[in-house]
Amino acid sequence: MKPTAFRWIKSDCGRAKYADLAGRRGAIAQLRLGWFILFAALRDWRLPDPDQTSGS
């Protein structure tokens, strides 16, 4: 199952970095993960969602 954050993080490199940061423990790591999600979502805002299937 994919994390909910993948709705906002759309690039492959961003998803890999998310997986790396999500695996770390501690308060600072969680703060850094939140910071990363915020900026990755802003950066990937205009990218198409790779999980969405195109077709009717």
PDB file of N, CA and C in Angstrom:
ATOM      1  N   MET A   1       0.837  -1.176   0.000  1.00  0.00           N
ATOM      2  CA  MET A   1       0.000   0.000   0.000  1.00  0.00           C
ATOM      3  C   MET A   1       0.888   1.248   0.000  1.00  0.00           C
ATOM      4  N   LYS A   2       0.505   2.210  -0.802  1.00  0.00           N
ATOM      5  CA  LYS A   2       1.301   3.432  -0.938  1.00  0.00           C
ATOM      6  C   LYS A   2       0.913   4.448   0.143  1.00  0.00           C
ATOM      7  N   PRO A   3       1.898   5.192   0.615  1.00  0.00           N
ATOM      8  CA  PRO A   3       1.610   6.233   1.611  1.00  0.00           C
ATOM      9  C   PRO A   3       0.704   7.325   1.038  1.00  0.00           C
ATOM     10  N   THR A   4      -0.062   7.950   1.896  1.00  0.00           N
ATOM     11  CA  THR A   4      -0.957   9.033   1.494  1.00  0.00           C
ATOM     12  C   THR A   4      -0.180  10.207   0.909  1.00  0.00           C
ATOM     13  N   ALA A   5       1.027  10.414   1.368  1.00  0.00           N
ATOM     14  CA  ALA A   5       1.850  11.537   0.893  1.00  0.00           C
ATOM     15  C   ALA A   5       2.142  11.431  -0.597  1.00  0.00           C
ATOM     16  N   PHE A   6       2.023  10.233  -1.171  1.00  0.00           N
ATOM     17  CA  PHE A   6       2.290  10.069  -2.597  1.00  0.00           C
ATOM     18  C   PHE A   6       1.232  10.758  -3.447  1.00  0.00           C
ATOM     19  N   ARG A   7       0.122  11.188  -2.853  1.00  0.00           N
ATOM     20  CA  ARG A   7      -0.846  12.006  -3.592  1.00  0.00           C
ATOM     21  C   ARG A   7      -0.233  13.347  -3.952  1.00  0.00           C
ATOM     22  N   TRP A   8       0.686  13.819  -3.110  1.00  0.00           N
ATOM     23  CA  TRP A   8       1.286  15.137  -3.315  1.00  0.00           C
ATOM     24  C   TRP A   8       2.710  15.057  -3.841  1.00  0.00           C
ATOM     25  N   ILE A   9       3.425  14.006  -3.506  1.00  0.00           N
ATOM     26  CA  ILE A   9       4.795  13.819  -3.988  1.00  0.00           C
ATOM     27  C   ILE A   9       4.716  12.925  -5.217  1.00  0.00           C
ATOM     28  N   LYS A  10       5.001  13.487  -6.369  1.00  0.00           N
ATOM     29  CA  LYS A  10       4.761  12.781  -7.623  1.00  0.00           C
ATOM     30  C   LYS A  10       6.016  12.342  -8.354  1.00  0.00           C
ATOM     31  N   SER A  11       7.153  12.927  -8.049  1.00  0.00           N
ATOM     32  CA  SER A  11       8.385  12.565  -8.755  1.00  0.00           C
ATOM     33  C   SER A  11       9.000  11.311  -8.140  1.00  0.00           C
ATOM     34  N   ASP A  12       9.701  10.550  -8.956  1.00  0.00           N
ATOM     35  CA  ASP A  12      10.326   9.313  -8.486  1.00  0.00           C
ATOM     36  C   ASP A  12      11.394   9.595  -7.428  1.00  0.00           C
ATOM     37  N   CYS A  13      12.194  10.639  -7.657  1.00  0.00           N
ATOM     38  CA  CYS A  13      13.243  10.951  -6.696  1.00  0.00           C
ATOM     39  C   CYS A  13      12.655  11.455  -5.374  1.00  0.00           C
ATOM     40  N   GLY A  14      11.555  12.189  -5.457  1.00  0.00           N
ATOM     41  CA  GLY A  14      10.880  12.657  -4.249  1.00  0.00           C
ATOM     42  C   GLY A  14      10.303  11.507  -3.440  1.00  0.00           C
ATOM     43  N   ARG A  15       9.750  10.526  -4.124  1.00  0.00           N
ATOM     44  CA  ARG A  15       9.198   9.353  -3.437  1.00  0.00           C
ATOM     45  C   ARG A  15      10.304   8.518  -2.800  1.00  0.00           C
ATOM     46  N   ALA A  16      11.449   8.436  -3.451  1.00  0.00           N
ATOM     47  CA  ALA A  16      12.580   7.698  -2.874  1.00  0.00           C
ATOM     48  C   ALA A  16      13.091   8.414  -1.623  1.00  0.00           C
ATOM     49  N   LYS A  17      13.181   9.723  -1.680  1.00  0.00           N
ATOM     50  CA  LYS A  17      13.635  10.497  -0.521  1.00  0.00           C
ATOM     51  C   LYS A  17      12.631  10.391   0.622  1.00  0.00           C
ATOM     52  N   TYR A  18      11.341  10.390   0.295  1.00  0.00           N
ATOM     53  CA  TYR A  18      10.302  10.221   1.309  1.00  0.00           C
ATOM     54  C   TYR A  18      10.488   8.882   2.026  1.00  0.00           C
ATOM     55  N   ALA A  19      10.712   7.808   1.265  1.00  0.00           N
ATOM     56  CA  ALA A  19      10.897   6.488   1.860  1.00  0.00           C
ATOM     57  C   ALA A  19      12.107   6.484   2.795  1.00  0.00           C
ATOM     58  N   ASP A  20      13.170   7.158   2.392  1.00  0.00           N
ATOM     59  CA  ASP A  20      14.359   7.240   3.232  1.00  0.00           C
ATOM     60  C   ASP A  20      14.064   7.996   4.524  1.00  0.00           C
ATOM     61  N   LEU A  21      13.432   9.139   4.425  1.00  0.00           N
ATOM     62  CA  LEU A  21      13.148   9.958   5.605  1.00  0.00           C
ATOM     63  C   LEU A  21      12.091   9.317   6.502  1.00  0.00           C
ATOM     64  N   ALA A  22      11.121   8.633   5.933  1.00  0.00           N
ATOM     65  CA  ALA A  22      10.054   8.010   6.719  1.00  0.00           C
ATOM     66  C   ALA A  22      10.589   6.845   7.553  1.00  0.00           C
ATOM     67  N   GLY A  23      11.686   6.251   7.132  1.00  0.00           N
ATOM     68  CA  GLY A  23      12.262   5.136   7.870  1.00  0.00           C
ATOM     69  C   GLY A  23      13.079   5.538   9.079  1.00  0.00           C
ATOM     70  N   ARG A  24      13.336   6.809   9.230  1.00  0.00           N
ATOM     71  CA  ARG A  24      14.154   7.283  10.350  1.00  0.00           C
ATOM     72  C   ARG A  24      13.283   7.534  11.578  1.00  0.00           C
ATOM     73  N   ARG A  25      13.884   7.398  12.741  1.00  0.00           N
ATOM     74  CA  ARG A  25      13.162   7.590  14.006  1.00  0.00           C
ATOM     75  C   ARG A  25      13.650   8.858  14.699  1.00  0.00           C
ATOM     76  N   GLY A  26      12.798   9.391  15.550  1.00  0.00           N
ATOM     77  CA  GLY A  26      13.167  10.542  16.358  1.00  0.00           C
ATOM     78  C   GLY A  26      12.352  11.775  15.999  1.00  0.00           C
ATOM     79  N   ALA A  27      12.330  12.716  16.914  1.00  0.00           N
ATOM     80  CA  ALA A  27      11.551  13.936  16.737  1.00  0.00           C
ATOM     81  C   ALA A  27      12.103  14.799  15.606  1.00  0.00           C
ATOM     82  N   ILE A  28      13.411  14.925  15.544  1.00  0.00           N
ATOM     83  CA  ILE A  28      14.027  15.737  14.489  1.00  0.00           C
ATOM     84  C   ILE A  28      13.759  15.111  13.129  1.00  0.00           C
ATOM     85  N   ALA A  29      13.806  13.793  13.046  1.00  0.00           N
ATOM     86  CA  ALA A  29      13.543  13.103  11.779  1.00  0.00           C
ATOM     87  C   ALA A  29      12.099  13.320  11.325  1.00  0.00           C
ATOM     88  N   GLN A  30      11.166  13.311  12.261  1.00  0.00           N
ATOM     89  CA  GLN A  30       9.768  13.536  11.909  1.00  0.00           C
ATOM     90  C   GLN A  30       9.538  14.978  11.470  1.00  0.00           C
ATOM     91  N   LEU A  31      10.218  15.901  12.107  1.00  0.00           N
ATOM     92  CA  LEU A  31      10.129  17.305  11.709  1.00  0.00           C
ATOM     93  C   LEU A  31      10.692  17.497  10.305  1.00  0.00           C
ATOM     94  N   ARG A  32      11.822  16.867  10.034  1.00  0.00           N
ATOM     95  CA  ARG A  32      12.430  16.958   8.703  1.00  0.00           C
ATOM     96  C   ARG A  32      11.528  16.322   7.644  1.00  0.00           C
ATOM     97  N   LEU A  33      10.874  15.215   7.976  1.00  0.00           N
ATOM     98  CA  LEU A  33       9.953  14.561   7.056  1.00  0.00           C
ATOM     99  C   LEU A  33       8.782  15.490   6.718  1.00  0.00           C
ATOM    100  N   GLY A  34       8.214  16.136   7.712  1.00  0.00           N
ATOM    101  CA  GLY A  34       7.120  17.081   7.470  1.00  0.00           C
ATOM    102  C   GLY A  34       7.558  18.248   6.602  1.00  0.00           C
ATOM    103  N   TRP A  35       8.738  18.771   6.879  1.00  0.00           N
ATOM    104  CA  TRP A  35       9.315  19.867   6.095  1.00  0.00           C
ATOM    105  C   TRP A  35       9.496  19.424   4.649  1.00  0.00           C
ATOM    106  N   PHE A  36      10.017  18.206   4.461  1.00  0.00           N
ATOM    107  CA  PHE A  36      10.239  17.680   3.120  1.00  0.00           C
ATOM    108  C   PHE A  36       8.914  17.517   2.364  1.00  0.00           C
ATOM    109  N   ILE A  37       7.896  16.974   3.015  1.00  0.00           N
ATOM    110  CA  ILE A  37       6.594  16.774   2.362  1.00  0.00           C
ATOM    111  C   ILE A  37       6.023  18.110   1.906  1.00  0.00           C
ATOM    112  N   LEU A  38       6.118  19.122   2.742  1.00  0.00           N
ATOM    113  CA  LEU A  38       5.604  20.445   2.385  1.00  0.00           C
ATOM    114  C   LEU A  38       6.259  20.980   1.119  1.00  0.00           C
ATOM    115  N   PHE A  39       7.571  20.967   1.075  1.00  0.00           N
ATOM    116  CA  PHE A  39       8.267  21.534  -0.074  1.00  0.00           C
ATOM    117  C   PHE A  39       8.208  20.636  -1.308  1.00  0.00           C
ATOM    118  N   ALA A  40       8.195  19.331  -1.115  1.00  0.00           N
ATOM    119  CA  ALA A  40       8.067  18.424  -2.259  1.00  0.00           C
ATOM    120  C   ALA A  40       6.687  18.567  -2.896  1.00  0.00           C
ATOM    121  N   ALA A  41       5.657  18.734  -2.076  1.00  0.00           N
ATOM    122  CA  ALA A  41       4.303  18.909  -2.610  1.00  0.00           C
ATOM    123  C   ALA A  41       4.200  20.212  -3.397  1.00  0.00           C
ATOM    124  N   LEU A  42       4.816  21.269  -2.889  1.00  0.00           N
ATOM    125  CA  LEU A  42       4.802  22.542  -3.617  1.00  0.00           C
ATOM    126  C   LEU A  42       5.561  22.433  -4.937  1.00  0.00           C
ATOM    127  N   ARG A  43       6.689  21.743  -4.917  1.00  0.00           N
ATOM    128  CA  ARG A  43       7.502  21.593  -6.118  1.00  0.00           C
ATOM    129  C   ARG A  43       6.799  20.726  -7.172  1.00  0.00           C
ATOM    130  N   ASP A  44       6.117  19.678  -6.729  1.00  0.00           N
ATOM    131  CA  ASP A  44       5.489  18.730  -7.650  1.00  0.00           C
ATOM    132  C   ASP A  44       4.044  19.083  -7.986  1.00  0.00           C
ATOM    133  N   TRP A  45       3.576  20.233  -7.549  1.00  0.00           N
ATOM    134  CA  TRP A  45       2.175  20.648  -7.719  1.00  0.00           C
ATOM    135  C   TRP A  45       1.682  20.475  -9.156  1.00  0.00           C
ATOM    136  N   ARG A  46       2.470  20.895 -10.122  1.00  0.00           N
ATOM    137  CA  ARG A  46       2.029  20.906 -11.520  1.00  0.00           C
ATOM    138  C   ARG A  46       2.325  19.613 -12.276  1.00  0.00           C
ATOM    139  N   LEU A  47       3.050  18.699 -11.676  1.00  0.00           N
ATOM    140  CA  LEU A  47       3.372  17.448 -12.354  1.00  0.00           C
ATOM    141  C   LEU A  47       2.131  16.550 -12.439  1.00  0.00           C
ATOM    142  N   PRO A  48       2.020  15.769 -13.494  1.00  0.00           N
ATOM    143  CA  PRO A  48       0.894  14.833 -13.567  1.00  0.00           C
ATOM    144  C   PRO A  48       1.096  13.703 -12.555  1.00  0.00           C
ATOM    145  N   ASP A  49       0.005  13.164 -12.077  1.00  0.00           N
ATOM    146  CA  ASP A  49       0.054  12.085 -11.096  1.00  0.00           C
ATOM    147  C   ASP A  49       0.402  10.778 -11.801  1.00  0.00           C
ATOM    148  N   PRO A  50       1.548  10.175 -11.503  1.00  0.00           N
ATOM    149  CA  PRO A  50       1.939   8.950 -12.208  1.00  0.00           C
ATOM    150  C   PRO A  50       1.092   7.737 -11.805  1.00  0.00           C
ATOM    151  N   ASP A  51       0.365   7.824 -10.683  1.00  0.00           N
ATOM    152  CA  ASP A  51      -0.460   6.712 -10.233  1.00  0.00           C
ATOM    153  C   ASP A  51      -1.840   6.683 -10.888  1.00  0.00           C
ATOM    154  N   GLN A  52      -2.217   7.786 -11.495  1.00  0.00           N
ATOM    155  CA  GLN A  52      -3.520   7.871 -12.145  1.00  0.00           C
ATOM    156  C   GLN A  52      -3.431   7.220 -13.503  1.00  0.00           C
ATOM    157  N   THR A  53      -4.381   6.394 -13.805  1.00  0.00           N
ATOM    158  CA  THR A  53      -4.397   5.770 -15.133  1.00  0.00           C
ATOM    159  C   THR A  53      -5.083   6.700 -16.105  1.00  0.00           C
ATOM    160  N   SER A  54      -4.474   6.865 -17.251  1.00  0.00           N
ATOM    161  CA  SER A  54      -5.103   7.703 -18.262  1.00  0.00           C
ATOM    162  C   SER A  54      -5.936   6.805 -19.155  1.00  0.00           C
ATOM    163  N   GLY A  55      -7.128   7.189 -19.354  1.00  0.00           N
ATOM    164  CA  GLY A  55      -8.055   6.390 -20.161  1.00  0.00           C
ATOM    165  C   GLY A  55      -9.442   6.464 -19.574  1.00  0.00           C
ATOM    166  N   SER A  56     -10.403   6.275 -20.404  1.00  0.00           N
ATOM    167  CA  SER A  56     -11.768   6.395 -19.931  1.00  0.00           C
ATOM    168  C   SER A  56     -12.432   5.067 -19.806  1.00  0.00           C
TER     169      SER A  56
END
